[in-house]
Amino acid sequence: MKKISFIILLTFFIVSCGDSASDESSGKNESGIITSRIINEQSIYNISDFESAGLKKPKSLKADAVDKKTGEAITPKAQEIHLGFFKSSLGPKDVEVRIYESHYDAIEYGVPTAEKTISTVVAFTNALIETTSAESATSTAGFGAYVVTGNVIIICQSQIEVCDELLKEIK
């Protein structure tokens, strides 16, 4: 009886720890393709971390830019925004890095704008597919996925694997 109780208790403990240790969540589009991921809540990054990982020619963009029509901030609470490219296994891909003060700010203020960025690109790409060949639409596809990691949102061209490969290179 003690062995059975011990095994049940041990199993419960392992399952409990496994669930709480996971700090990752993913989002998928209608086709089941992963387009977003939230990981590494406690991490804090700066642009030099991404340059060291292989982000090439990051150009600093205006973090406090406002929409000319509405007057609202395009990337609210973003402290820095950088656009560069990364040589992934899928070839060179554009990557935008949006840096926030905290993980909370990245999720609360950054995710809605990242979602808007990739949904705009998806709508544009779908329109191209309808009016041109699929091959030319693929070659013009823009940002298709993002990862929130710590205080940063990484928005990657085409697919989430580009973001994943860049993150693997961060030391």
N, C-alpha and C. Protein backbone atom coordinates (compact mmCIF):
# COMPACT_ATOMS: atom_id res chain seq x y z
N MET A 1 0.83 -1.20 0.00
CA MET A 1 0.00 0.00 0.00
C MET A 1 0.87 1.27 0.00
N LYS A 2 1.99 1.24 0.76
CA LYS A 2 2.88 2.39 0.79
C LYS A 2 3.52 2.62 -0.57
N LYS A 3 3.86 1.53 -1.27
CA LYS A 3 4.47 1.68 -2.60
C LYS A 3 3.48 2.31 -3.58
N ILE A 4 2.23 1.87 -3.53
CA ILE A 4 1.23 2.43 -4.43
C ILE A 4 1.01 3.91 -4.13
N SER A 5 0.92 4.26 -2.87
CA SER A 5 0.75 5.67 -2.47
C SER A 5 1.94 6.49 -2.93
N PHE A 6 3.14 5.94 -2.76
CA PHE A 6 4.35 6.64 -3.17
C PHE A 6 4.36 6.87 -4.68
N ILE A 7 4.00 5.86 -5.46
CA ILE A 7 3.98 5.97 -6.91
C ILE A 7 2.94 7.02 -7.36
N ILE A 8 1.78 6.99 -6.74
CA ILE A 8 0.74 7.97 -7.08
C ILE A 8 1.22 9.38 -6.74
N LEU A 9 1.80 9.54 -5.58
CA LEU A 9 2.31 10.84 -5.16
C LEU A 9 3.43 11.32 -6.08
N LEU A 10 4.33 10.42 -6.44
CA LEU A 10 5.44 10.76 -7.32
C LEU A 10 4.92 11.16 -8.71
N THR A 11 3.96 10.40 -9.22
CA THR A 11 3.36 10.73 -10.53
C THR A 11 2.70 12.09 -10.48
N PHE A 12 1.95 12.36 -9.44
CA PHE A 12 1.28 13.66 -9.28
C PHE A 12 2.32 14.79 -9.24
N PHE A 13 3.40 14.59 -8.52
CA PHE A 13 4.46 15.59 -8.41
C PHE A 13 5.11 15.87 -9.76
N ILE A 14 5.41 14.82 -10.51
CA ILE A 14 6.06 14.98 -11.82
C ILE A 14 5.13 15.72 -12.78
N VAL A 15 3.87 15.34 -12.82
CA VAL A 15 2.92 16.00 -13.70
C VAL A 15 2.74 17.46 -13.30
N SER A 16 2.65 17.74 -12.03
CA SER A 16 2.48 19.13 -11.55
C SER A 16 3.67 19.98 -11.93
N CYS A 17 4.87 19.48 -11.71
CA CYS A 17 6.07 20.25 -12.04
C CYS A 17 6.19 20.45 -13.53
N GLY A 18 5.85 19.45 -14.30
CA GLY A 18 5.93 19.56 -15.75
C GLY A 18 5.00 20.64 -16.26
N ASP A 19 3.80 20.74 -15.75
CA ASP A 19 2.87 21.75 -16.21
C ASP A 19 3.31 23.15 -15.82
N SER A 20 3.79 23.33 -14.61
CA SER A 20 4.17 24.67 -14.16
C SER A 20 5.50 25.12 -14.73
N ALA A 21 6.34 24.17 -15.15
CA ALA A 21 7.65 24.53 -15.68
C ALA A 21 7.54 25.07 -17.11
N SER A 22 6.46 24.76 -17.79
CA SER A 22 6.29 25.20 -19.16
C SER A 22 5.88 26.67 -19.18
N ASP A 23 6.71 27.51 -19.81
CA ASP A 23 6.38 28.92 -19.91
C ASP A 23 6.24 29.32 -21.37
N GLU A 24 5.69 28.41 -22.18
CA GLU A 24 5.55 28.66 -23.60
C GLU A 24 4.11 28.51 -24.03
N SER A 25 3.67 29.40 -24.89
CA SER A 25 2.37 29.25 -25.52
C SER A 25 2.52 29.65 -26.98
N SER A 26 1.71 29.02 -27.83
CA SER A 26 1.79 29.28 -29.27
C SER A 26 0.42 29.60 -29.83
N GLY A 27 0.41 30.37 -30.91
CA GLY A 27 -0.82 30.68 -31.62
C GLY A 27 -0.71 30.15 -33.05
N LYS A 28 -1.84 29.72 -33.61
CA LYS A 28 -1.87 29.18 -34.97
C LYS A 28 -2.89 29.93 -35.81
N ASN A 29 -2.65 29.93 -37.12
CA ASN A 29 -3.63 30.53 -38.03
C ASN A 29 -4.66 29.48 -38.43
N GLU A 30 -5.57 29.85 -39.35
CA GLU A 30 -6.65 28.92 -39.75
C GLU A 30 -6.11 27.65 -40.38
N SER A 31 -4.93 27.70 -40.98
CA SER A 31 -4.34 26.53 -41.63
C SER A 31 -3.58 25.65 -40.65
N GLY A 32 -3.53 26.05 -39.37
CA GLY A 32 -2.81 25.27 -38.37
C GLY A 32 -1.33 25.59 -38.29
N ILE A 33 -0.89 26.61 -39.01
CA ILE A 33 0.52 27.00 -39.01
C ILE A 33 0.78 27.89 -37.80
N ILE A 34 1.85 27.61 -37.06
CA ILE A 34 2.18 28.43 -35.89
C ILE A 34 2.67 29.79 -36.36
N THR A 35 2.01 30.83 -35.88
CA THR A 35 2.36 32.20 -36.26
C THR A 35 2.85 33.04 -35.09
N SER A 36 2.73 32.49 -33.87
CA SER A 36 3.20 33.25 -32.71
C SER A 36 3.58 32.30 -31.59
N ARG A 37 4.46 32.80 -30.73
CA ARG A 37 4.90 32.03 -29.58
C ARG A 37 5.30 33.01 -28.48
N ILE A 38 4.99 32.65 -27.24
CA ILE A 38 5.40 33.46 -26.08
C ILE A 38 6.26 32.56 -25.21
N ILE A 39 7.50 33.01 -24.95
CA ILE A 39 8.47 32.20 -24.19
C ILE A 39 9.32 33.09 -23.29
N ASN A 40 10.11 32.47 -22.45
CA ASN A 40 11.17 33.13 -21.66
C ASN A 40 10.74 34.41 -20.96
N GLU A 41 9.71 34.31 -20.16
CA GLU A 41 9.15 35.49 -19.48
C GLU A 41 10.19 36.30 -18.72
N GLN A 42 11.17 35.65 -18.11
CA GLN A 42 12.13 36.35 -17.24
C GLN A 42 13.31 36.98 -17.98
N SER A 43 13.48 36.70 -19.26
CA SER A 43 14.64 37.18 -20.00
C SER A 43 14.54 38.67 -20.32
N ILE A 44 15.69 39.33 -20.32
CA ILE A 44 15.78 40.74 -20.70
C ILE A 44 16.86 40.83 -21.77
N TYR A 45 16.51 41.41 -22.91
CA TYR A 45 17.43 41.50 -24.05
C TYR A 45 17.65 42.95 -24.45
N ASN A 46 18.73 43.16 -25.20
CA ASN A 46 18.97 44.43 -25.88
C ASN A 46 19.41 44.10 -27.30
N ILE A 47 19.54 45.09 -28.14
CA ILE A 47 19.81 44.85 -29.56
C ILE A 47 21.15 44.15 -29.77
N SER A 48 22.12 44.38 -28.92
CA SER A 48 23.43 43.73 -29.11
C SER A 48 23.32 42.21 -28.96
N ASP A 49 22.36 41.72 -28.17
CA ASP A 49 22.15 40.27 -28.07
C ASP A 49 21.78 39.69 -29.45
N PHE A 50 20.97 40.40 -30.19
CA PHE A 50 20.52 39.93 -31.50
C PHE A 50 21.60 40.11 -32.56
N GLU A 51 22.38 41.18 -32.45
CA GLU A 51 23.50 41.36 -33.37
C GLU A 51 24.52 40.25 -33.19
N SER A 52 24.80 39.90 -31.95
CA SER A 52 25.74 38.80 -31.67
C SER A 52 25.21 37.46 -32.18
N ALA A 53 23.90 37.33 -32.24
CA ALA A 53 23.27 36.09 -32.70
C ALA A 53 23.19 36.01 -34.23
N GLY A 54 23.53 37.09 -34.91
CA GLY A 54 23.55 37.06 -36.37
C GLY A 54 22.59 38.00 -37.06
N LEU A 55 21.91 38.88 -36.33
CA LEU A 55 21.07 39.88 -36.98
C LEU A 55 21.99 40.87 -37.68
N LYS A 56 21.83 41.01 -38.97
CA LYS A 56 22.71 41.84 -39.79
C LYS A 56 22.07 43.18 -40.10
N LYS A 57 22.91 44.22 -40.08
CA LYS A 57 22.53 45.58 -40.46
C LYS A 57 21.24 46.07 -39.82
N PRO A 58 21.11 45.93 -38.50
CA PRO A 58 19.88 46.42 -37.89
C PRO A 58 19.80 47.95 -37.98
N LYS A 59 18.75 48.40 -38.61
CA LYS A 59 18.50 49.84 -38.76
C LYS A 59 17.51 50.24 -37.68
N SER A 60 17.84 51.27 -36.95
CA SER A 60 16.95 51.75 -35.90
C SER A 60 15.78 52.51 -36.52
N LEU A 61 14.57 52.14 -36.09
CA LEU A 61 13.36 52.81 -36.55
C LEU A 61 12.78 53.65 -35.42
N LYS A 62 11.92 54.56 -35.77
CA LYS A 62 11.32 55.45 -34.79
C LYS A 62 10.32 54.67 -33.92
N ALA A 63 10.61 54.55 -32.64
CA ALA A 63 9.76 53.78 -31.74
C ALA A 63 8.48 54.52 -31.36
N ASP A 64 8.50 55.84 -31.44
CA ASP A 64 7.32 56.61 -31.03
C ASP A 64 6.54 57.17 -32.22
N ALA A 65 6.63 56.48 -33.36
CA ALA A 65 5.90 56.92 -34.55
C ALA A 65 4.40 56.83 -34.32
N VAL A 66 3.67 57.76 -34.93
CA VAL A 66 2.21 57.77 -34.79
C VAL A 66 1.55 57.62 -36.16
N ASP A 67 0.37 57.04 -36.16
CA ASP A 67 -0.42 56.87 -37.37
C ASP A 67 -0.89 58.26 -37.80
N LYS A 68 -0.63 58.64 -39.04
CA LYS A 68 -0.98 59.97 -39.52
C LYS A 68 -2.49 60.19 -39.57
N LYS A 69 -3.25 59.12 -39.76
CA LYS A 69 -4.71 59.26 -39.83
C LYS A 69 -5.35 59.37 -38.46
N THR A 70 -4.90 58.53 -37.51
CA THR A 70 -5.56 58.48 -36.20
C THR A 70 -4.82 59.24 -35.11
N GLY A 71 -3.52 59.46 -35.31
CA GLY A 71 -2.72 60.12 -34.28
C GLY A 71 -2.30 59.18 -33.15
N GLU A 72 -2.66 57.89 -33.27
CA GLU A 72 -2.31 56.90 -32.23
C GLU A 72 -0.92 56.34 -32.49
N ALA A 73 -0.26 55.93 -31.40
CA ALA A 73 1.07 55.33 -31.51
C ALA A 73 0.98 54.02 -32.31
N ILE A 74 1.92 53.82 -33.22
CA ILE A 74 1.95 52.60 -34.03
C ILE A 74 2.45 51.43 -33.20
N THR A 75 3.45 51.67 -32.38
CA THR A 75 3.99 50.63 -31.49
C THR A 75 4.05 51.20 -30.07
N PRO A 76 2.90 51.27 -29.40
CA PRO A 76 2.87 51.90 -28.07
C PRO A 76 3.80 51.21 -27.07
N LYS A 77 4.47 52.05 -26.30
CA LYS A 77 5.37 51.63 -25.22
C LYS A 77 6.66 50.96 -25.70
N ALA A 78 6.86 50.83 -27.00
CA ALA A 78 8.13 50.27 -27.50
C ALA A 78 9.24 51.27 -27.18
N GLN A 79 10.36 50.77 -26.67
CA GLN A 79 11.49 51.64 -26.37
C GLN A 79 12.44 51.76 -27.56
N GLU A 80 12.59 50.66 -28.30
CA GLU A 80 13.45 50.64 -29.48
C GLU A 80 12.83 49.70 -30.51
N ILE A 81 13.07 50.02 -31.79
CA ILE A 81 12.67 49.14 -32.87
C ILE A 81 13.83 49.08 -33.86
N HIS A 82 14.17 47.85 -34.27
CA HIS A 82 15.28 47.66 -35.20
C HIS A 82 14.83 46.72 -36.31
N LEU A 83 15.23 47.03 -37.53
CA LEU A 83 14.92 46.19 -38.68
C LEU A 83 16.23 45.76 -39.32
N GLY A 84 16.41 44.45 -39.47
CA GLY A 84 17.62 43.91 -40.09
C GLY A 84 17.28 42.63 -40.81
N PHE A 85 18.31 41.83 -41.11
CA PHE A 85 18.04 40.54 -41.72
C PHE A 85 18.89 39.47 -41.04
N PHE A 86 18.44 38.24 -41.17
CA PHE A 86 19.10 37.09 -40.55
C PHE A 86 19.23 36.00 -41.60
N LYS A 87 20.43 35.41 -41.69
CA LYS A 87 20.67 34.32 -42.63
C LYS A 87 20.21 33.01 -41.99
N SER A 88 18.96 32.66 -42.23
CA SER A 88 18.40 31.44 -41.66
C SER A 88 18.60 30.28 -42.64
N SER A 89 18.18 29.10 -42.23
CA SER A 89 18.26 27.94 -43.12
C SER A 89 17.30 28.11 -44.31
N LEU A 90 16.37 29.04 -44.21
CA LEU A 90 15.43 29.33 -45.30
C LEU A 90 15.94 30.45 -46.20
N GLY A 91 17.18 30.88 -45.95
CA GLY A 91 17.76 31.99 -46.71
C GLY A 91 17.72 33.26 -45.88
N PRO A 92 18.24 34.36 -46.42
CA PRO A 92 18.20 35.62 -45.67
C PRO A 92 16.76 36.11 -45.53
N LYS A 93 16.38 36.45 -44.31
CA LYS A 93 15.00 36.89 -44.02
C LYS A 93 15.02 38.17 -43.21
N ASP A 94 14.05 39.04 -43.47
CA ASP A 94 13.90 40.26 -42.70
C ASP A 94 13.41 39.94 -41.29
N VAL A 95 13.93 40.67 -40.33
CA VAL A 95 13.55 40.49 -38.93
C VAL A 95 13.41 41.87 -38.30
N GLU A 96 12.31 42.07 -37.60
CA GLU A 96 12.11 43.31 -36.84
C GLU A 96 12.15 42.96 -35.36
N VAL A 97 12.93 43.70 -34.59
CA VAL A 97 13.05 43.49 -33.15
C VAL A 97 12.48 44.70 -32.45
N ARG A 98 11.44 44.47 -31.65
CA ARG A 98 10.81 45.54 -30.88
C ARG A 98 11.12 45.30 -29.41
N ILE A 99 11.79 46.27 -28.80
CA ILE A 99 12.24 46.13 -27.42
C ILE A 99 11.34 46.95 -26.50
N TYR A 100 10.89 46.31 -25.43
CA TYR A 100 10.00 46.94 -24.45
C TYR A 100 10.70 46.94 -23.09
N GLU A 101 10.14 47.67 -22.16
CA GLU A 101 10.70 47.73 -20.81
C GLU A 101 10.59 46.38 -20.10
N SER A 102 9.49 45.67 -20.33
CA SER A 102 9.25 44.42 -19.60
C SER A 102 8.50 43.41 -20.47
N HIS A 103 8.45 42.19 -20.00
CA HIS A 103 7.67 41.14 -20.66
C HIS A 103 6.19 41.53 -20.69
N TYR A 104 5.72 42.09 -19.60
CA TYR A 104 4.33 42.52 -19.51
C TYR A 104 4.01 43.54 -20.62
N ASP A 105 4.87 44.54 -20.79
CA ASP A 105 4.65 45.55 -21.82
C ASP A 105 4.69 44.93 -23.22
N ALA A 106 5.61 43.99 -23.42
CA ALA A 106 5.71 43.33 -24.73
C ALA A 106 4.41 42.61 -25.06
N ILE A 107 3.82 41.96 -24.08
CA ILE A 107 2.56 41.25 -24.31
C ILE A 107 1.39 42.22 -24.40
N GLU A 108 1.27 43.08 -23.43
CA GLU A 108 0.11 43.98 -23.33
C GLU A 108 0.03 44.98 -24.50
N TYR A 109 1.17 45.58 -24.85
CA TYR A 109 1.18 46.62 -25.87
C TYR A 109 1.75 46.15 -27.21
N GLY A 110 2.64 45.19 -27.17
CA GLY A 110 3.31 44.74 -28.40
C GLY A 110 2.57 43.69 -29.19
N VAL A 111 1.93 42.75 -28.51
CA VAL A 111 1.25 41.67 -29.23
C VAL A 111 0.16 42.19 -30.16
N PRO A 112 -0.70 43.12 -29.72
CA PRO A 112 -1.73 43.61 -30.66
C PRO A 112 -1.13 44.22 -31.94
N THR A 113 -0.04 44.96 -31.81
CA THR A 113 0.56 45.56 -33.00
C THR A 113 1.28 44.51 -33.85
N ALA A 114 1.88 43.50 -33.21
CA ALA A 114 2.51 42.41 -33.96
C ALA A 114 1.45 41.61 -34.72
N GLU A 115 0.32 41.36 -34.07
CA GLU A 115 -0.80 40.66 -34.73
C GLU A 115 -1.29 41.46 -35.93
N LYS A 116 -1.38 42.76 -35.76
CA LYS A 116 -1.82 43.63 -36.86
C LYS A 116 -0.81 43.58 -38.00
N THR A 117 0.47 43.58 -37.68
CA THR A 117 1.52 43.53 -38.70
C THR A 117 1.41 42.25 -39.52
N ILE A 118 1.30 41.10 -38.86
CA ILE A 118 1.26 39.86 -39.64
C ILE A 118 -0.09 39.67 -40.33
N SER A 119 -1.18 40.15 -39.76
CA SER A 119 -2.48 40.00 -40.44
C SER A 119 -2.55 40.88 -41.67
N THR A 120 -1.93 42.04 -41.63
CA THR A 120 -1.88 42.92 -42.80
C THR A 120 -1.10 42.26 -43.92
N VAL A 121 0.01 41.63 -43.56
CA VAL A 121 0.84 40.94 -44.56
C VAL A 121 0.09 39.74 -45.13
N VAL A 122 -0.60 38.98 -44.30
CA VAL A 122 -1.36 37.83 -44.78
C VAL A 122 -2.45 38.28 -45.74
N ALA A 123 -3.16 39.35 -45.42
CA ALA A 123 -4.21 39.85 -46.31
C ALA A 123 -3.61 40.29 -47.64
N PHE A 124 -2.48 40.97 -47.60
CA PHE A 124 -1.81 41.42 -48.81
C PHE A 124 -1.36 40.22 -49.64
N THR A 125 -0.75 39.23 -48.99
CA THR A 125 -0.27 38.04 -49.69
C THR A 125 -1.43 37.27 -50.32
N ASN A 126 -2.54 37.12 -49.60
CA ASN A 126 -3.71 36.44 -50.15
C ASN A 126 -4.24 37.17 -51.39
N ALA A 127 -4.22 38.50 -51.35
CA ALA A 127 -4.67 39.27 -52.51
C ALA A 127 -3.73 39.04 -53.69
N LEU A 128 -2.44 38.94 -53.44
CA LEU A 128 -1.48 38.67 -54.51
C LEU A 128 -1.72 37.29 -55.11
N ILE A 129 -1.98 36.32 -54.27
CA ILE A 129 -2.20 34.95 -54.74
C ILE A 129 -3.43 34.91 -55.65
N GLU A 130 -4.45 35.67 -55.31
CA GLU A 130 -5.67 35.69 -56.12
C GLU A 130 -5.46 36.38 -57.46
N THR A 131 -4.54 37.34 -57.52
CA THR A 131 -4.39 38.12 -58.75
C THR A 131 -3.15 37.75 -59.57
N THR A 132 -2.21 37.02 -58.96
CA THR A 132 -0.98 36.64 -59.67
C THR A 132 -0.69 35.17 -59.41
N SER A 133 0.44 34.72 -59.89
CA SER A 133 0.81 33.33 -59.62
C SER A 133 1.25 33.18 -58.17
N ALA A 134 1.09 31.99 -57.63
CA ALA A 134 1.47 31.73 -56.24
C ALA A 134 2.96 31.94 -56.04
N GLU A 135 3.75 31.66 -57.05
CA GLU A 135 5.20 31.79 -56.92
C GLU A 135 5.61 33.24 -56.66
N SER A 136 5.03 34.18 -57.40
CA SER A 136 5.40 35.58 -57.20
C SER A 136 4.87 36.10 -55.87
N ALA A 137 3.74 35.59 -55.41
CA ALA A 137 3.21 36.02 -54.12
C ALA A 137 4.11 35.56 -53.00
N THR A 138 4.64 34.35 -53.13
CA THR A 138 5.54 33.83 -52.11
C THR A 138 6.80 34.68 -52.02
N SER A 139 7.31 35.09 -53.17
CA SER A 139 8.56 35.85 -53.16
C SER A 139 8.38 37.24 -52.56
N THR A 140 7.14 37.75 -52.50
CA THR A 140 6.92 39.07 -51.94
C THR A 140 6.32 39.02 -50.54
N ALA A 141 6.15 37.81 -50.00
CA ALA A 141 5.54 37.69 -48.68
C ALA A 141 6.42 38.38 -47.64
N GLY A 142 5.79 39.03 -46.69
CA GLY A 142 6.52 39.76 -45.66
C GLY A 142 6.47 39.05 -44.33
N PHE A 143 6.26 39.82 -43.28
CA PHE A 143 6.27 39.27 -41.93
C PHE A 143 5.09 38.33 -41.73
N GLY A 144 5.40 37.11 -41.28
CA GLY A 144 4.35 36.11 -41.13
C GLY A 144 4.25 35.50 -39.75
N ALA A 145 5.17 35.86 -38.85
CA ALA A 145 5.15 35.24 -37.51
C ALA A 145 5.92 36.13 -36.53
N TYR A 146 5.65 35.89 -35.25
CA TYR A 146 6.40 36.61 -34.22
C TYR A 146 6.58 35.75 -32.98
N VAL A 147 7.61 36.11 -32.22
CA VAL A 147 7.88 35.47 -30.93
C VAL A 147 8.04 36.57 -29.90
N VAL A 148 7.34 36.41 -28.78
CA VAL A 148 7.56 37.28 -27.63
C VAL A 148 8.50 36.51 -26.73
N THR A 149 9.65 37.08 -26.47
CA THR A 149 10.63 36.45 -25.59
C THR A 149 11.14 37.51 -24.63
N GLY A 150 10.87 37.32 -23.37
CA GLY A 150 11.25 38.33 -22.39
C GLY A 150 10.63 39.67 -22.72
N ASN A 151 11.47 40.69 -22.82
CA ASN A 151 11.00 42.06 -23.08
C ASN A 151 10.98 42.43 -24.57
N VAL A 152 11.04 41.43 -25.44
CA VAL A 152 11.20 41.68 -26.86
C VAL A 152 10.14 40.94 -27.68
N ILE A 153 9.73 41.57 -28.77
CA ILE A 153 8.95 40.88 -29.79
C ILE A 153 9.81 40.84 -31.04
N ILE A 154 9.99 39.63 -31.57
CA ILE A 154 10.73 39.43 -32.80
C ILE A 154 9.69 39.10 -33.87
N ILE A 155 9.63 39.91 -34.91
CA ILE A 155 8.70 39.66 -36.01
C ILE A 155 9.54 39.23 -37.21
N CYS A 156 9.22 38.04 -37.74
CA CYS A 156 10.06 37.43 -38.77
C CYS A 156 9.34 37.28 -40.10
N GLN A 157 10.11 37.42 -41.15
CA GLN A 157 9.59 37.24 -42.50
C GLN A 157 9.20 35.79 -42.71
N SER A 158 8.08 35.59 -43.31
CA SER A 158 7.57 34.29 -43.74
C SER A 158 7.06 33.40 -42.62
N GLN A 159 7.95 32.85 -41.78
CA GLN A 159 7.49 31.86 -40.82
C GLN A 159 8.28 31.89 -39.51
N ILE A 160 7.71 31.26 -38.51
CA ILE A 160 8.24 31.33 -37.14
C ILE A 160 9.61 30.66 -36.99
N GLU A 161 9.94 29.74 -37.87
CA GLU A 161 11.24 29.06 -37.78
C GLU A 161 12.40 30.04 -37.89
N VAL A 162 12.20 31.13 -38.62
CA VAL A 162 13.25 32.16 -38.72
C VAL A 162 13.51 32.76 -37.34
N CYS A 163 12.44 33.09 -36.62
CA CYS A 163 12.58 33.62 -35.26
C CYS A 163 13.27 32.59 -34.35
N ASP A 164 12.84 31.34 -34.47
CA ASP A 164 13.40 30.27 -33.63
C ASP A 164 14.90 30.12 -33.85
N GLU A 165 15.32 30.15 -35.12
CA GLU A 165 16.74 30.01 -35.43
C GLU A 165 17.55 31.17 -34.87
N LEU A 166 17.03 32.38 -34.96
CA LEU A 166 17.72 33.54 -34.40
C LEU A 166 17.86 33.40 -32.89
N LEU A 167 16.78 33.00 -32.24
CA LEU A 167 16.82 32.84 -30.78
C LEU A 167 17.81 31.77 -30.33
N LYS A 168 17.95 30.71 -31.11
CA LYS A 168 18.90 29.63 -30.76
C LYS A 168 20.34 30.14 -30.73
N GLU A 169 20.61 31.19 -31.48
CA GLU A 169 21.97 31.74 -31.58
C GLU A 169 22.31 32.71 -30.45
N ILE A 170 21.32 33.13 -29.68
CA ILE A 170 21.60 34.06 -28.58
C ILE A 170 22.29 33.31 -27.45
N LYS A 171 23.42 33.83 -27.03
CA LYS A 171 24.21 33.19 -25.98
C LYS A 171 23.82 33.72 -24.62
